[in-house]
Each structure stands twice: as structure tokens, then as C-alpha cells.
Amino acid sequence: MLKQFRQKLNTARHLSGWEKGWFVKLYFMSGLIRLITVIFPFQRVSRYLGNYHRNFQVSTLVSEEQLVTANQFKKIIQLVCRYTPWHCHCLVQAIIAAYFFKHYEIPYVLYLGAKLNRGQDKLKAHAWLMIKNQIITGKQGYKAYRIVGCYLSPLIVAA
């Protein structure tokens, strides 16, 4: 127990002031988003994700600086979700990232996917967020899902 606590302190010590600030904000934000996704229907939540498009494959154009910022943020999201006592699943992570990228004016695409579990006849869903050709959140297992919709950053104008 003490060893784990020391490891966590050591991790926190190596974070920059910018990363520590965002960690604290996103820790509480992840709890709030988790609560919102449990309480409200997805239709109400989805209006804040961006412009909806059905089955749309898009790649965003971003500067090298924006990509570096996105990757720094990816690290913080992973860290936050590792330490939350609540379930910080793919949708919560994607919403956190979308909020952050709106704040920093970085264009993103948030994908929603679905697949049918053959043995159980259950539909499973997954969310992942991409910038350029990099998956920022939800990378684990995303290839197994068929895209059923996506939300484009307000910075992207679809034809």
C-alpha cells in the first residue's frame, strides 16, 4: 500500500505545472461527465459533441504544435482515468478530449461504433476520438467496431 502511494507521488512529481493543472480539472470533470452520461439520455449529451454525421470517415488537418498538445493531453486523460474511483469508459474519455480540443481549437472527429456479440446477441458500443491519423482516446479494440456515426469538431466544415 505504501509502495503504491510512493509510486503515485513520484508520478505526480514528474508532471509539469500545466499537466498537474489539467489533471485536477479533468479528474473532477470526468466524474461530472460520468454522472451526466448515466443520468441523461445520449441525445441530450450528444448536442455538445460537435456536428453529427452518419457513417462519415474524416481526417483532420492539424499543425505539429496541435498534435503535440493533443498527445500531451492523451497522456493526462489516461492518467486521470487510471486514478478515478468511478468507471471512466471510452465515451467519458472521448467527451473529455472533445471538450479540451474545443478549448484549444484543435479539430477532432469523435467516432461511435457498434458490434454484435455473437454468443450473447448483445450490441456493444465504443467511442474513440481521432486527430489527424492518431487515435487519442478509445484505441483499444476500436477496429472490432463498425462506425455508426461521428461528431465533427465545430472547426471542421463538412461538404
Protein backbone atom coordinates (compact mmCIF):
# COMPACT_ATOMS: atom_id res chain seq x y z
CA MET A 1 0.00 0.00 0.00
CA LEU A 2 2.78 2.42 0.95
CA LYS A 3 4.74 1.44 -2.16
CA GLN A 4 1.75 2.26 -4.39
CA PHE A 5 1.33 5.62 -2.68
CA ARG A 6 5.03 6.44 -3.28
CA GLN A 7 4.68 5.49 -6.95
CA LYS A 8 1.68 7.81 -7.32
CA LEU A 9 3.55 10.66 -5.64
CA ASN A 10 6.53 10.03 -7.89
CA THR A 11 4.28 10.15 -10.97
CA ALA A 12 2.73 13.42 -9.78
CA ARG A 13 6.12 14.93 -9.10
CA HIS A 14 7.22 14.35 -12.71
CA LEU A 15 4.22 16.16 -14.18
CA SER A 16 4.66 19.74 -15.34
CA GLY A 17 2.57 22.53 -13.81
CA TRP A 18 0.39 22.56 -16.95
CA GLU A 19 -0.19 18.78 -16.68
CA LYS A 20 -0.95 18.99 -12.94
CA GLY A 21 -3.46 21.78 -13.51
CA TRP A 22 -5.26 19.86 -16.23
CA PHE A 23 -5.10 16.63 -14.22
CA VAL A 24 -7.00 18.22 -11.34
CA LYS A 25 -9.58 19.82 -13.65
CA LEU A 26 -10.11 16.64 -15.64
CA TYR A 27 -10.30 14.42 -12.59
CA PHE A 28 -13.40 16.25 -11.40
CA MET A 29 -14.67 16.77 -14.95
CA SER A 30 -14.52 13.01 -15.62
CA GLY A 31 -16.76 12.40 -12.59
CA LEU A 32 -19.21 15.03 -13.75
CA ILE A 33 -19.28 13.64 -17.30
CA ARG A 34 -19.72 10.11 -15.98
CA LEU A 35 -22.68 11.30 -13.89
CA ILE A 36 -24.19 13.13 -16.87
CA THR A 37 -23.87 10.08 -19.14
CA VAL A 38 -25.63 7.95 -16.53
CA ILE A 39 -28.44 10.40 -15.78
CA PHE A 40 -29.25 11.93 -19.17
CA PRO A 41 -30.14 10.17 -22.43
CA PHE A 42 -27.39 10.23 -25.05
CA GLN A 43 -29.44 12.52 -27.32
CA ARG A 44 -29.16 15.33 -24.76
CA VAL A 45 -25.46 14.78 -24.26
CA SER A 46 -24.65 14.43 -27.96
CA ARG A 47 -25.55 18.01 -28.89
CA TYR A 48 -22.35 19.15 -27.16
CA LEU A 49 -20.04 16.76 -29.00
CA GLY A 50 -19.96 18.51 -32.38
CA ASN A 51 -21.77 18.25 -35.71
CA TYR A 52 -23.30 14.80 -36.20
CA HIS A 53 -22.74 12.85 -39.41
CA ARG A 54 -23.75 9.29 -40.14
CA ASN A 55 -21.02 6.86 -41.04
CA PHE A 56 -18.58 9.59 -42.08
CA GLN A 57 -14.83 8.90 -42.44
CA VAL A 58 -12.81 12.08 -41.98
CA SER A 59 -9.22 13.02 -41.32
CA THR A 60 -8.41 16.38 -39.76
CA LEU A 61 -5.60 18.72 -40.67
CA VAL A 62 -3.67 19.94 -37.66
CA SER A 63 -0.37 21.68 -37.09
CA GLU A 64 2.57 19.93 -35.48
CA GLU A 65 2.06 22.07 -32.37
CA GLN A 66 -1.59 20.99 -32.11
CA LEU A 67 -0.56 17.34 -32.47
CA VAL A 68 2.00 17.70 -29.67
CA THR A 69 -0.66 19.31 -27.44
CA ALA A 70 -3.12 16.52 -28.29
CA ASN A 71 -0.59 13.84 -27.36
CA GLN A 72 0.20 15.59 -24.07
CA PHE A 73 -3.48 15.65 -23.32
CA LYS A 74 -3.86 11.98 -24.28
CA LYS A 75 -1.32 11.16 -21.55
CA ILE A 76 -3.27 13.21 -18.98
CA ILE A 77 -6.60 11.55 -19.88
CA GLN A 78 -5.04 8.10 -19.47
CA LEU A 79 -3.58 9.13 -16.12
CA VAL A 80 -6.86 10.62 -14.86
CA CYS A 81 -8.86 7.54 -15.86
CA ARG A 82 -6.37 5.28 -14.13
CA TYR A 83 -6.95 7.03 -10.79
CA THR A 84 -10.70 7.68 -10.76
CA PRO A 85 -12.80 5.54 -8.42
CA TRP A 86 -15.66 5.62 -10.97
CA HIS A 87 -15.77 3.86 -14.33
CA CYS A 88 -14.08 6.18 -16.84
CA HIS A 89 -15.04 4.37 -20.05
CA CYS A 90 -14.43 5.25 -23.69
CA LEU A 91 -17.36 7.67 -24.05
CA VAL A 92 -16.33 9.66 -20.97
CA GLN A 93 -12.76 9.84 -22.28
CA ALA A 94 -13.91 10.96 -25.73
CA ILE A 95 -16.14 13.69 -24.26
CA ILE A 96 -13.29 14.93 -22.07
CA ALA A 97 -10.99 15.08 -25.10
CA ALA A 98 -13.65 16.84 -27.22
CA TYR A 99 -14.06 19.48 -24.53
CA PHE A 100 -10.32 20.01 -24.31
CA PHE A 101 -9.84 20.24 -28.07
CA LYS A 102 -12.68 22.74 -28.38
CA HIS A 103 -10.91 24.84 -25.74
CA TYR A 104 -7.59 24.70 -27.63
CA GLU A 105 -9.26 24.96 -31.08
CA ILE A 106 -7.91 21.63 -32.30
CA PRO A 107 -10.14 19.92 -34.90
CA TYR A 108 -11.20 16.39 -33.96
CA VAL A 109 -13.51 13.60 -35.05
CA LEU A 110 -15.37 11.58 -32.40
CA TYR A 111 -16.48 8.19 -33.75
CA LEU A 112 -19.20 5.95 -32.38
CA GLY A 113 -19.05 2.28 -33.27
CA ALA A 114 -21.11 -0.83 -32.61
CA LYS A 115 -20.67 -4.57 -32.86
CA LEU A 116 -22.83 -7.59 -32.15
CA ASN A 117 -21.54 -10.14 -29.66
CA ARG A 118 -22.42 -13.36 -31.47
CA GLY A 119 -22.62 -15.62 -28.43
CA GLN A 120 -24.79 -13.31 -26.36
CA ASP A 121 -26.77 -11.50 -29.08
CA LYS A 122 -25.90 -8.22 -27.39
CA LEU A 123 -24.97 -5.00 -29.09
CA LYS A 124 -21.76 -3.42 -27.76
CA ALA A 125 -20.79 0.19 -28.35
CA HIS A 126 -17.47 2.00 -28.39
CA ALA A 127 -16.31 5.61 -28.79
CA TRP A 128 -12.96 6.89 -29.96
CA LEU A 129 -11.60 10.29 -30.81
CA MET A 130 -9.12 10.98 -33.60
CA ILE A 131 -6.93 13.87 -34.59
CA LYS A 132 -5.22 13.66 -37.95
CA ASN A 133 -4.50 9.92 -38.21
CA GLN A 134 -3.93 9.36 -34.48
CA ILE A 135 -6.41 7.88 -32.07
CA ILE A 136 -6.34 9.96 -28.89
CA THR A 137 -8.93 8.05 -26.82
CA GLY A 138 -10.55 4.64 -27.25
CA LYS A 139 -7.75 3.00 -29.22
CA GLN A 140 -8.07 -0.36 -27.51
CA GLY A 141 -10.29 -2.58 -29.65
CA TYR A 142 -11.68 0.12 -31.94
CA LYS A 143 -11.03 -1.97 -35.09
CA ALA A 144 -13.64 -4.52 -33.99
CA TYR A 145 -16.42 -1.92 -34.21
CA ARG A 146 -18.31 -0.68 -37.25
CA ILE A 147 -18.70 3.09 -37.42
CA VAL A 148 -22.34 4.05 -36.96
CA GLY A 149 -21.86 7.78 -36.61
CA CYS A 150 -19.40 10.52 -35.91
CA TYR A 151 -19.27 14.01 -34.48
CA LEU A 152 -17.08 16.55 -36.23
CA SER A 153 -15.42 19.37 -34.36
CA PRO A 154 -17.17 22.72 -34.92
CA LEU A 155 -13.87 23.75 -36.59
CA ILE A 156 -14.48 21.27 -39.42
CA VAL A 157 -16.87 22.26 -42.19
CA ALA A 158 -18.31 19.20 -43.95
CA ALA A 159 -19.36 19.49 -47.56
